[in-house]
C-alpha atoms as a PDB file:
ATOM      1  CA  MET A   1       0.000   0.000   0.000  1.00  0.00           C
ATOM      2  CA  LYS A   2       1.436   3.352  -0.966  1.00  0.00           C
ATOM      3  CA  ASP A   3       1.448   5.889   1.819  1.00  0.00           C
ATOM      4  CA  SER A   4       3.730   8.850   2.370  1.00  0.00           C
ATOM      5  CA  PHE A   5       3.576   8.218   6.097  1.00  0.00           C
ATOM      6  CA  PHE A   6       5.464   5.292   7.607  1.00  0.00           C
ATOM      7  CA  TYR A   7       3.466   3.537  10.320  1.00  0.00           C
ATOM      8  CA  GLY A   8       5.407   1.680  12.959  1.00  0.00           C
ATOM      9  CA  GLY A   9       5.717   0.950  16.627  1.00  0.00           C
ATOM     10  CA  GLN A  10       7.317  -1.325  19.166  1.00  0.00           C
ATOM     11  CA  ALA A  11       6.602  -4.356  21.296  1.00  0.00           C
ATOM     12  CA  VAL A  12       5.702  -3.766  24.946  1.00  0.00           C
ATOM     13  CA  ILE A  13       4.746  -5.999  27.878  1.00  0.00           C
ATOM     14  CA  GLU A  14       2.045  -8.363  26.539  1.00  0.00           C
ATOM     15  CA  GLY A  15       1.260  -5.957  23.758  1.00  0.00           C
ATOM     16  CA  VAL A  16       2.172  -3.616  20.924  1.00  0.00           C
ATOM     17  CA  MET A  17       2.380   0.143  20.604  1.00  0.00           C
ATOM     18  CA  MET A  18       1.607   1.637  17.172  1.00  0.00           C
ATOM     19  CA  ARG A  19       2.258   5.216  16.057  1.00  0.00           C
ATOM     20  CA  GLY A  20       0.211   7.118  13.508  1.00  0.00           C
ATOM     21  CA  ARG A  21       0.132  10.656  12.200  1.00  0.00           C
ATOM     22  CA  GLN A  22      -2.131  12.035  14.916  1.00  0.00           C
ATOM     23  CA  ALA A  23      -2.097   9.466  17.695  1.00  0.00           C
ATOM     24  CA  LEU A  24      -0.468   6.426  19.181  1.00  0.00           C
ATOM     25  CA  ALA A  25      -2.273   3.334  20.400  1.00  0.00           C
ATOM     26  CA  ILE A  26      -1.069   0.757  22.908  1.00  0.00           C
ATOM     27  CA  GLY A  27      -2.791  -2.606  22.735  1.00  0.00           C
ATOM     28  CA  VAL A  28      -2.285  -4.945  25.687  1.00  0.00           C
ATOM     29  CA  ARG A  29      -3.636  -8.413  26.447  1.00  0.00           C
ATOM     30  CA  ARG A  30      -4.933  -8.365  30.019  1.00  0.00           C
ATOM     31  CA  PRO A  31      -4.851 -11.390  32.367  1.00  0.00           C
ATOM     32  CA  ASP A  32      -8.582 -12.027  31.767  1.00  0.00           C
ATOM     33  CA  GLY A  33      -7.921 -12.419  28.028  1.00  0.00           C
ATOM     34  CA  SER A  34      -9.456  -9.114  26.928  1.00  0.00           C
ATOM     35  CA  ILE A  35      -7.561  -6.468  24.958  1.00  0.00           C
ATOM     36  CA  VAL A  36      -7.277  -2.947  26.272  1.00  0.00           C
ATOM     37  CA  VAL A  37      -6.334  -0.284  23.732  1.00  0.00           C
ATOM     38  CA  HIS A  38      -5.098   3.035  25.071  1.00  0.00           C
ATOM     39  CA  GLU A  39      -5.208   5.854  22.549  1.00  0.00           C
ATOM     40  CA  GLN A  40      -3.288   9.088  22.966  1.00  0.00           C
ATOM     41  CA  ALA A  41      -3.083  12.179  20.768  1.00  0.00           C
ATOM     42  CA  LEU A  42       0.354  12.703  19.302  1.00  0.00           C
ATOM     43  CA  VAL A  43       2.090  15.805  18.010  1.00  0.00           C
ATOM     44  CA  PRO A  44       5.534  14.717  16.807  1.00  0.00           C
ATOM     45  CA  TRP A  45       8.377  16.973  17.895  1.00  0.00           C
ATOM     46  CA  SER A  46       9.344  17.422  14.258  1.00  0.00           C
ATOM     47  CA  GLN A  47       6.041  19.210  13.631  1.00  0.00           C
ATOM     48  CA  ARG A  48       6.740  21.827  16.271  1.00  0.00           C
ATOM     49  CA  SER A  49       9.560  23.479  14.350  1.00  0.00           C
ATOM     50  CA  ALA A  50      10.652  23.384  10.716  1.00  0.00           C
ATOM     51  CA  ILE A  51      14.302  23.076  11.715  1.00  0.00           C
ATOM     52  CA  LEU A  52      13.587  19.773  13.464  1.00  0.00           C
ATOM     53  CA  ARG A  53      12.536  18.288  10.110  1.00  0.00           C
ATOM     54  CA  ARG A  54      15.918  18.930   8.491  1.00  0.00           C
ATOM     55  CA  PRO A  55      17.819  15.828   7.305  1.00  0.00           C
ATOM     56  CA  LEU A  56      20.208  14.412   9.933  1.00  0.00           C
ATOM     57  CA  LEU A  57      18.665  16.497  12.717  1.00  0.00           C
ATOM     58  CA  ARG A  58      15.278  14.811  12.306  1.00  0.00           C
ATOM     59  CA  GLY A  59      16.896  11.444  13.011  1.00  0.00           C
ATOM     60  CA  VAL A  60      18.256  12.590  16.368  1.00  0.00           C
ATOM     61  CA  VAL A  61      14.893  14.123  17.266  1.00  0.00           C
ATOM     62  CA  ALA A  62      13.009  10.972  16.242  1.00  0.00           C
ATOM     63  CA  LEU A  63      15.335   8.788  18.333  1.00  0.00           C
ATOM     64  CA  ALA A  64      14.951  10.911  21.466  1.00  0.00           C
ATOM     65  CA  GLU A  65      11.176  11.056  21.037  1.00  0.00           C
ATOM     66  CA  ALA A  66      10.962   7.292  20.465  1.00  0.00           C
ATOM     67  CA  LEU A  67      12.910   6.585  23.667  1.00  0.00           C
ATOM     68  CA  ILE A  68      10.561   8.689  25.786  1.00  0.00           C
ATOM     69  CA  ILE A  69       7.390   7.355  24.156  1.00  0.00           C
ATOM     70  CA  GLY A  70       8.729   3.819  24.456  1.00  0.00           C
ATOM     71  CA  ILE A  71       9.322   4.112  28.206  1.00  0.00           C
ATOM     72  CA  ARG A  72       5.801   5.476  28.697  1.00  0.00           C
ATOM     73  CA  ALA A  73       4.291   2.678  26.597  1.00  0.00           C
ATOM     74  CA  LEU A  74       6.173   0.045  28.591  1.00  0.00           C
ATOM     75  CA  ASN A  75       4.982   1.668  31.807  1.00  0.00           C
ATOM     76  CA  PHE A  76       1.326   1.501  30.712  1.00  0.00           C
ATOM     77  CA  SER A  77       1.587  -2.050  29.403  1.00  0.00           C
ATOM     78  CA  ALA A  78       3.215  -3.367  32.576  1.00  0.00           C
ATOM     79  CA  ALA A  79       0.337  -2.031  34.685  1.00  0.00           C
ATOM     80  CA  GLN A  80      -2.326  -3.485  32.344  1.00  0.00           C
ATOM     81  CA  ALA A  81      -0.646  -6.864  31.837  1.00  0.00           C
ATOM     82  CA  THR A  82      -0.441  -7.411  35.601  1.00  0.00           C
ATOM     83  CA  ASP A  83      -3.983  -6.124  36.249  1.00  0.00           C
ATOM     84  CA  GLY A  84      -2.719  -3.258  38.366  1.00  0.00           C
ATOM     85  CA  GLU A  85      -0.249  -5.287  40.421  1.00  0.00           C
ATOM     86  CA  GLU A  86       2.594  -3.279  38.889  1.00  0.00           C
ATOM     87  CA  GLU A  87       2.349   0.354  39.956  1.00  0.00           C
ATOM     88  CA  PRO A  88       2.949   2.828  37.107  1.00  0.00           C
ATOM     89  CA  LEU A  89       6.266   4.629  37.325  1.00  0.00           C
ATOM     90  CA  SER A  90       6.267   8.293  38.260  1.00  0.00           C
ATOM     91  CA  ALA A  91       7.821  10.885  35.942  1.00  0.00           C
ATOM     92  CA  LYS A  92      10.942  10.888  38.112  1.00  0.00           C
ATOM     93  CA  GLU A  93      11.191   7.091  38.066  1.00  0.00           C
ATOM     94  CA  MET A  94      10.780   7.033  34.281  1.00  0.00           C
ATOM     95  CA  ALA A  95      13.548   9.628  33.946  1.00  0.00           C
ATOM     96  CA  VAL A  96      15.824   7.493  36.122  1.00  0.00           C
ATOM     97  CA  SER A  97      14.973   4.367  34.100  1.00  0.00           C
ATOM     98  CA  LEU A  98      15.742   6.181  30.847  1.00  0.00           C
ATOM     99  CA  GLY A  99      19.012   7.486  32.254  1.00  0.00           C
ATOM    100  CA  LEU A 100      20.077   4.032  33.412  1.00  0.00           C
ATOM    101  CA  ALA A 101      19.207   2.544  30.018  1.00  0.00           C
ATOM    102  CA  ILE A 102      21.297   5.173  28.216  1.00  0.00           C
ATOM    103  CA  ALA A 103      24.190   4.683  30.649  1.00  0.00           C
ATOM    104  CA  MET A 104      24.118   0.912  30.149  1.00  0.00           C
ATOM    105  CA  THR A 105      24.037   1.319  26.364  1.00  0.00           C
ATOM    106  CA  VAL A 106      26.991   3.713  26.381  1.00  0.00           C
ATOM    107  CA  GLY A 107      28.920   1.455  28.745  1.00  0.00           C
ATOM    108  CA  LEU A 108      28.308  -1.717  26.760  1.00  0.00           C
ATOM    109  CA  PHE A 109      28.618  -0.426  23.192  1.00  0.00           C
ATOM    110  CA  VAL A 110      31.007   2.540  23.522  1.00  0.00           C
ATOM    111  CA  VAL A 111      33.165   2.280  26.644  1.00  0.00           C
ATOM    112  CA  LEU A 112      33.717  -1.497  26.687  1.00  0.00           C
ATOM    113  CA  PRO A 113      34.718  -1.802  22.983  1.00  0.00           C
ATOM    114  CA  ALA A 114      37.057   1.197  23.336  1.00  0.00           C
ATOM    115  CA  PHE A 115      38.628  -0.485  26.385  1.00  0.00           C
ATOM    116  CA  LEU A 116      39.041  -3.860  24.668  1.00  0.00           C
ATOM    117  CA  ILE A 117      40.585  -2.362  21.528  1.00  0.00           C
ATOM    118  CA  ARG A 118      43.517  -1.113  23.626  1.00  0.00           C
ATOM    119  CA  PHE A 119      44.833  -4.665  23.918  1.00  0.00           C
ATOM    120  CA  ILE A 120      45.151  -5.224  20.162  1.00  0.00           C
ATOM    121  CA  GLN A 121      45.746  -1.791  18.634  1.00  0.00           C
ATOM    122  CA  ASP A 122      49.543  -2.183  18.762  1.00  0.00           C
ATOM    123  CA  VAL A 123      49.442  -5.206  16.460  1.00  0.00           C
ATOM    124  CA  ILE A 124      47.100  -3.611  13.870  1.00  0.00           C
ATOM    125  CA  SER A 125      48.800  -0.924  11.829  1.00  0.00           C
ATOM    126  CA  HIS A 126      45.930   0.273   9.610  1.00  0.00           C
ATOM    127  CA  ASN A 127      43.354   2.533  11.271  1.00  0.00           C
ATOM    128  CA  LEU A 128      40.476   1.321   9.110  1.00  0.00           C
ATOM    129  CA  VAL A 129      41.190  -2.300  10.015  1.00  0.00           C
ATOM    130  CA  LEU A 130      41.412  -1.349  13.682  1.00  0.00           C
ATOM    131  CA  ASN A 131      38.021   0.350  13.534  1.00  0.00           C
ATOM    132  CA  LEU A 132      36.535  -2.597  11.659  1.00  0.00           C
ATOM    133  CA  VAL A 133      37.678  -4.833  14.511  1.00  0.00           C
ATOM    134  CA  GLU A 134      36.087  -2.451  17.011  1.00  0.00           C
ATOM    135  CA  GLY A 135      32.883  -2.527  14.977  1.00  0.00           C
ATOM    136  CA  LEU A 136      32.970  -6.315  14.993  1.00  0.00           C
ATOM    137  CA  ILE A 137      33.336  -6.223  18.786  1.00  0.00           C
ATOM    138  CA  LYS A 138      30.306  -3.927  19.057  1.00  0.00           C
ATOM    139  CA  VAL A 139      28.141  -6.089  16.807  1.00  0.00           C
ATOM    140  CA  SER A 140      29.241  -9.228  18.675  1.00  0.00           C
ATOM    141  CA  LEU A 141      28.391  -7.668  22.039  1.00  0.00           C
ATOM    142  CA  PHE A 142      24.996  -6.632  20.704  1.00  0.00           C
ATOM    143  CA  ALA A 143      24.265 -10.122  19.372  1.00  0.00           C
ATOM    144  CA  LEU A 144      25.408 -11.778  22.616  1.00  0.00           C
ATOM    145  CA  TYR A 145      23.276  -9.366  24.649  1.00  0.00           C
ATOM    146  CA  ILE A 146      20.181 -10.144  22.558  1.00  0.00           C
ATOM    147  CA  LEU A 147      20.859 -13.892  22.741  1.00  0.00           C
ATOM    148  CA  ALA A 148      21.264 -13.698  26.528  1.00  0.00           C
ATOM    149  CA  ILE A 149      18.104 -11.736  27.316  1.00  0.00           C
ATOM    150  CA  GLY A 150      16.209 -13.774  24.698  1.00  0.00           C
ATOM    151  CA  GLN A 151      16.416 -16.774  27.032  1.00  0.00           C
ATOM    152  CA  MET A 152      14.200 -15.025  29.599  1.00  0.00           C
ATOM    153  CA  PRO A 153      10.524 -16.116  29.302  1.00  0.00           C
ATOM    154  CA  ASP A 154       9.181 -12.543  29.567  1.00  0.00           C
ATOM    155  CA  ILE A 155      11.562 -11.291  26.888  1.00  0.00           C
ATOM    156  CA  LYS A 156      10.619 -14.181  24.613  1.00  0.00           C
ATOM    157  CA  ARG A 157       7.026 -12.962  24.862  1.00  0.00           C
ATOM    158  CA  VAL A 158       8.128  -9.424  23.987  1.00  0.00           C
ATOM    159  CA  PHE A 159      10.034 -10.769  20.972  1.00  0.00           C
ATOM    160  CA  GLN A 160       6.847 -12.557  19.849  1.00  0.00           C
ATOM    161  CA  TYR A 161       4.919  -9.289  20.053  1.00  0.00           C
ATOM    162  CA  HIS A 162       7.780  -7.685  18.101  1.00  0.00           C
ATOM    163  CA  GLY A 163       7.116 -10.232  15.368  1.00  0.00           C
ATOM    164  CA  ALA A 164       3.397  -9.496  15.558  1.00  0.00           C
ATOM    165  CA  GLU A 165       4.060  -5.771  15.137  1.00  0.00           C
ATOM    166  CA  HIS A 166       6.147  -6.387  11.998  1.00  0.00           C
ATOM    167  CA  LYS A 167       3.583  -8.731  10.490  1.00  0.00           C
ATOM    168  CA  ALA A 168       0.733  -6.256  11.043  1.00  0.00           C
ATOM    169  CA  ILE A 169       2.683  -3.381   9.458  1.00  0.00           C
ATOM    170  CA  ASN A 170       3.746  -5.564   6.528  1.00  0.00           C
ATOM    171  CA  CYS A 171       0.131  -6.634   5.979  1.00  0.00           C
ATOM    172  CA  TYR A 172      -1.096  -3.036   5.927  1.00  0.00           C
ATOM    173  CA  GLU A 173       1.683  -1.906   3.589  1.00  0.00           C
ATOM    174  CA  ALA A 174       0.842  -4.812   1.276  1.00  0.00           C
ATOM    175  CA  GLY A 175      -2.710  -3.422   0.990  1.00  0.00           C
ATOM    176  CA  LEU A 176      -4.348  -6.510   2.479  1.00  0.00           C
ATOM    177  CA  PRO A 177      -7.269  -6.613   4.931  1.00  0.00           C
ATOM    178  CA  LEU A 178      -6.054  -6.643   8.529  1.00  0.00           C
ATOM    179  CA  THR A 179      -7.319 -10.096   9.424  1.00  0.00           C
ATOM    180  CA  VAL A 180      -5.389 -12.521  11.580  1.00  0.00           C
ATOM    181  CA  ASP A 181      -4.925 -14.968   8.705  1.00  0.00           C
ATOM    182  CA  ASN A 182      -3.577 -12.272   6.381  1.00  0.00           C
ATOM    183  CA  VAL A 183      -1.264 -10.855   9.051  1.00  0.00           C
ATOM    184  CA  ALA A 184       0.022 -14.315   9.987  1.00  0.00           C
ATOM    185  CA  ARG A 185       1.240 -14.889   6.425  1.00  0.00           C
ATOM    186  CA  GLN A 186       3.459 -11.803   6.407  1.00  0.00           C
ATOM    187  CA  SER A 187       7.200 -11.629   6.974  1.00  0.00           C
ATOM    188  CA  ILE A 188       8.496 -11.349  10.510  1.00  0.00           C
ATOM    189  CA  VAL A 189      11.151  -8.787   9.497  1.00  0.00           C
ATOM    190  CA  HIS A 190      10.809  -5.154   8.454  1.00  0.00           C
ATOM    191  CA  THR A 191      13.291  -2.660   7.002  1.00  0.00           C
ATOM    192  CA  ARG A 192      12.430   0.168   9.418  1.00  0.00           C
ATOM    193  CA  CYS A 193      12.891  -1.972  12.537  1.00  0.00           C
ATOM    194  CA  GLY A 194      14.789  -0.518  15.491  1.00  0.00           C
ATOM    195  CA  THR A 195      17.123  -3.524  15.405  1.00  0.00           C
ATOM    196  CA  ASN A 196      18.108  -2.544  11.883  1.00  0.00           C
ATOM    197  CA  PHE A 197      18.666   1.040  13.031  1.00  0.00           C
ATOM    198  CA  ILE A 198      20.939  -0.046  15.900  1.00  0.00           C
ATOM    199  CA  LEU A 199      23.060  -2.229  13.646  1.00  0.00           C
ATOM    200  CA  ILE A 200      23.438   0.545  11.061  1.00  0.00           C
ATOM    201  CA  VAL A 201      24.480   2.916  13.879  1.00  0.00           C
ATOM    202  CA  LEU A 202      27.196   0.458  14.911  1.00  0.00           C
ATOM    203  CA  LEU A 203      28.436   0.034  11.335  1.00  0.00           C
ATOM    204  CA  MET A 204      28.251   3.749  10.533  1.00  0.00           C
ATOM    205  CA  SER A 205      30.351   4.580  13.603  1.00  0.00           C
ATOM    206  CA  VAL A 206      33.134   2.400  12.172  1.00  0.00           C
ATOM    207  CA  PHE A 207      33.246   4.507   8.999  1.00  0.00           C
ATOM    208  CA  LEU A 208      33.133   7.926  10.687  1.00  0.00           C
ATOM    209  CA  PHE A 209      35.574   7.078  13.443  1.00  0.00           C
ATOM    210  CA  SER A 210      38.174   6.010  10.870  1.00  0.00           C
ATOM    211  CA  PHE A 211      38.878   9.710  10.216  1.00  0.00           C
ATOM    212  CA  PHE A 212      40.097  10.266  13.797  1.00  0.00           C
ATOM    213  CA  GLY A 213      43.116   7.967  13.852  1.00  0.00           C
ATOM    214  CA  ARG A 214      43.697   6.031  17.083  1.00  0.00           C
ATOM    215  CA  PRO A 215      43.314   8.410  20.043  1.00  0.00           C
ATOM    216  CA  PRO A 216      43.875   7.277  23.651  1.00  0.00           C
ATOM    217  CA  PHE A 217      41.074   5.520  25.552  1.00  0.00           C
ATOM    218  CA  VAL A 218      39.303   8.481  27.184  1.00  0.00           C
ATOM    219  CA  GLU A 219      39.533  10.628  24.064  1.00  0.00           C
ATOM    220  CA  ARG A 220      38.282   7.695  21.977  1.00  0.00           C
ATOM    221  CA  VAL A 221      35.181   7.362  24.171  1.00  0.00           C
ATOM    222  CA  LEU A 222      34.503  11.118  24.088  1.00  0.00           C
ATOM    223  CA  ILE A 223      34.794  11.282  20.292  1.00  0.00           C
ATOM    224  CA  HIS A 224      32.377   8.365  19.974  1.00  0.00           C
ATOM    225  CA  LEU A 225      29.870  10.158  22.204  1.00  0.00           C
ATOM    226  CA  LEU A 226      30.239  13.442  20.306  1.00  0.00           C
ATOM    227  CA  LEU A 227      29.766  11.649  16.982  1.00  0.00           C
ATOM    228  CA  LEU A 228      26.707   9.730  18.183  1.00  0.00           C
ATOM    229  CA  PRO A 229      24.150  12.393  17.056  1.00  0.00           C
ATOM    230  CA  VAL A 230      25.768  12.495  13.608  1.00  0.00           C
ATOM    231  CA  VAL A 231      25.821   8.699  13.377  1.00  0.00           C
ATOM    232  CA  ALA A 232      22.191   8.489  14.505  1.00  0.00           C
ATOM    233  CA  GLY A 233      21.129  11.128  11.975  1.00  0.00           C
ATOM    234  CA  LEU A 234      22.871   9.395   9.080  1.00  0.00           C
ATOM    235  CA  SER A 235      21.520   5.988  10.113  1.00  0.00           C
ATOM    236  CA  TYR A 236      17.975   7.367  10.248  1.00  0.00           C
ATOM    237  CA  GLU A 237      18.273   8.699   6.701  1.00  0.00           C
ATOM    238  CA  ILE A 238      19.560   5.312   5.504  1.00  0.00           C
ATOM    239  CA  ILE A 239      16.631   3.514   7.142  1.00  0.00           C
ATOM    240  CA  ARG A 240      14.129   5.924   5.582  1.00  0.00           C
ATOM    241  CA  HIS A 241      15.612   5.509   2.116  1.00  0.00           C
ATOM    242  CA  ALA A 242      15.951   1.719   2.417  1.00  0.00           C
ATOM    243  CA  ALA A 243      12.183   1.479   3.017  1.00  0.00           C
ATOM    244  CA  LYS A 244      11.401   3.039  -0.371  1.00  0.00           C
ATOM    245  CA  ASP A 245      10.632   0.930  -3.422  1.00  0.00           C
ATOM    246  CA  ASN A 246      13.280   2.800  -5.445  1.00  0.00           C
ATOM    247  CA  ALA A 247      16.006   2.635  -2.777  1.00  0.00           C
ATOM    248  CA  TRP A 248      19.571   2.608  -4.046  1.00  0.00           C
ATOM    249  CA  ALA A 249      21.205  -0.807  -4.215  1.00  0.00           C
ATOM    250  CA  LEU A 250      24.000   0.360  -1.884  1.00  0.00           C
ATOM    251  CA  VAL A 251      21.494   1.459   0.759  1.00  0.00           C
ATOM    252  CA  ARG A 252      19.642  -1.845   0.533  1.00  0.00           C
ATOM    253  CA  TRP A 253      22.971  -3.638   0.931  1.00  0.00           C
ATOM    254  CA  ILE A 254      23.824  -1.602   4.052  1.00  0.00           C
ATOM    255  CA  ALA A 255      20.409  -2.412   5.550  1.00  0.00           C
ATOM    256  CA  THR A 256      20.651  -6.163   4.855  1.00  0.00           C
ATOM    257  CA  PRO A 257      22.643  -7.174   8.001  1.00  0.00           C
ATOM    258  CA  GLY A 258      19.963  -5.533  10.137  1.00  0.00           C
ATOM    259  CA  LEU A 259      17.331  -7.738   8.523  1.00  0.00           C
ATOM    260  CA  TRP A 260      19.414 -10.777   9.478  1.00  0.00           C
ATOM    261  CA  MET A 261      19.814  -9.502  13.042  1.00  0.00           C
ATOM    262  CA  GLN A 262      16.044  -9.175  13.400  1.00  0.00           C
ATOM    263  CA  ARG A 263      15.881 -12.957  13.526  1.00  0.00           C
ATOM    264  CA  LEU A 264      17.302 -12.588  17.051  1.00  0.00           C
ATOM    265  CA  THR A 265      14.828  -9.933  18.242  1.00  0.00           C
ATOM    266  CA  THR A 266      11.648 -11.439  16.805  1.00  0.00           C
ATOM    267  CA  ARG A 267       9.829 -14.722  17.377  1.00  0.00           C
ATOM    268  CA  PRO A 268       6.846 -16.234  15.528  1.00  0.00           C
ATOM    269  CA  PRO A 269       3.773 -14.760  17.262  1.00  0.00           C
ATOM    270  CA  GLU A 270       0.701 -16.624  18.419  1.00  0.00           C
ATOM    271  CA  ARG A 271      -2.762 -15.848  17.047  1.00  0.00           C
ATOM    272  CA  GLU A 272      -3.721 -13.991  20.228  1.00  0.00           C
ATOM    273  CA  GLN A 273      -0.664 -11.772  19.877  1.00  0.00           C
ATOM    274  CA  LEU A 274      -1.508 -10.941  16.274  1.00  0.00           C
ATOM    275  CA  GLU A 275      -4.956  -9.818  17.443  1.00  0.00           C
ATOM    276  CA  VAL A 276      -3.350  -7.325  19.825  1.00  0.00           C
ATOM    277  CA  ALA A 277      -1.100  -5.888  17.094  1.00  0.00           C
ATOM    278  CA  ILE A 278      -4.085  -5.549  14.740  1.00  0.00           C
ATOM    279  CA  ALA A 279      -6.148  -3.827  17.433  1.00  0.00           C
ATOM    280  CA  ALA A 280      -3.441  -1.210  18.028  1.00  0.00           C
ATOM    281  CA  LEU A 281      -2.756  -0.601  14.327  1.00  0.00           C
ATOM    282  CA  GLU A 282      -6.438  -0.286  13.415  1.00  0.00           C
ATOM    283  CA  ARG A 283      -6.959   2.292  16.133  1.00  0.00           C
ATOM    284  CA  VAL A 284      -4.326   4.677  14.742  1.00  0.00           C
ATOM    285  CA  LEU A 285      -5.490   4.054  11.163  1.00  0.00           C
ATOM    286  CA  VAL A 286      -9.044   5.001  12.105  1.00  0.00           C
ATOM    287  CA  ARG A 287      -7.786   8.074  13.941  1.00  0.00           C
ATOM    288  CA  ASP A 288      -5.796   9.143  10.877  1.00  0.00           C
ATOM    289  CA  GLY A 289      -8.633   8.399   8.478  1.00  0.00           C
ATOM    290  CA  ALA A 290      -6.188   6.185   6.602  1.00  0.00           C
ATOM    291  CA  PRO A 291      -7.533   3.850   3.905  1.00  0.00           C
ATOM    292  CA  MET A 292      -8.033   0.286   5.121  1.00  0.00           C
ATOM    293  CA  ALA A 293      -9.050  -2.650   2.977  1.00  0.00           C
ATOM    294  CA  ASP A 294     -10.975  -4.046   5.905  1.00  0.00           C
ATOM    295  CA  VAL A 295     -11.454  -3.580   9.629  1.00  0.00           C
ATOM    296  CA  SER A 296     -11.388  -6.883  11.427  1.00  0.00           C
ATOM    297  CA  ALA A 297     -13.656  -7.737  14.325  1.00  0.00           C
ATOM    298  CA  GLU A 298     -11.300 -10.389  15.694  1.00  0.00           C
ATOM    299  CA  ALA A 299     -10.486  -8.583  18.946  1.00  0.00           C
ATOM    300  CA  ALA A 300     -12.741  -7.188  21.632  1.00  0.00           C
ATOM    301  CA  TYR A 301     -11.683  -3.653  22.443  1.00  0.00           C
ATOM    302  CA  VAL A 302     -11.838  -2.485  26.046  1.00  0.00           C
ATOM    303  CA  ARG A 303     -11.205   1.128  26.937  1.00  0.00           C
END
């Protein structure tokens, strides 16, 4: 289905969050088997100022906005999936959680690789090769991290909802009615996935950092952090272009490893999980007045 707007979302606790032009919807399967769909008006940050829609800058803005929205969606889903047993986080607690997540990401994918590269940099003479090795370390750490948390039962469920989200989006973009059977037949991977974005960020950092030689450890970490907005902006533009039908072959090639990596962050969803993804996607489509081939009645909506 041709649409100038790219719909998407993320998996949450026992559910899926979908984003549209004017609203987001969080669908969650409650312990009693019903589906609650929370709808919230949305004014993207990029619409608040023309400068925030500029190439490169819009990628940084979109990433920051997605992190905040994602934490809020997880907070809502946790409370619904446990039938109120999990108390929603306060604004301060969400800020702390976001800060800890960013700190862990920087520590694992910036500080640790920069520390490890110190032990081999004397035996590698070419800077590009050295940075390729550091990139390989980053990708390996990312894959090992995903494999490790993927063994946890709760995370396996989240990965199944991640697959359900992709299948629902793929079904809509294929112009098919949003029925469970149609959605189930779709691919479990998607070009605009966050996993793809992360992997492109890791690979792009290898290229950009090659221009800075081999600085000492602390300086190496600081340069990586300073370059992160640039890397994120470039990676966002690559993801956007790769999703187009007329994407350049080089861009498609760059995005291919991310499609492979999605096999680690998605799992085949169950029928009940597909119903939740459909419920969330249909809600934002209705809110946007977007064309739909069909509106399924497979899930019971509960406000």
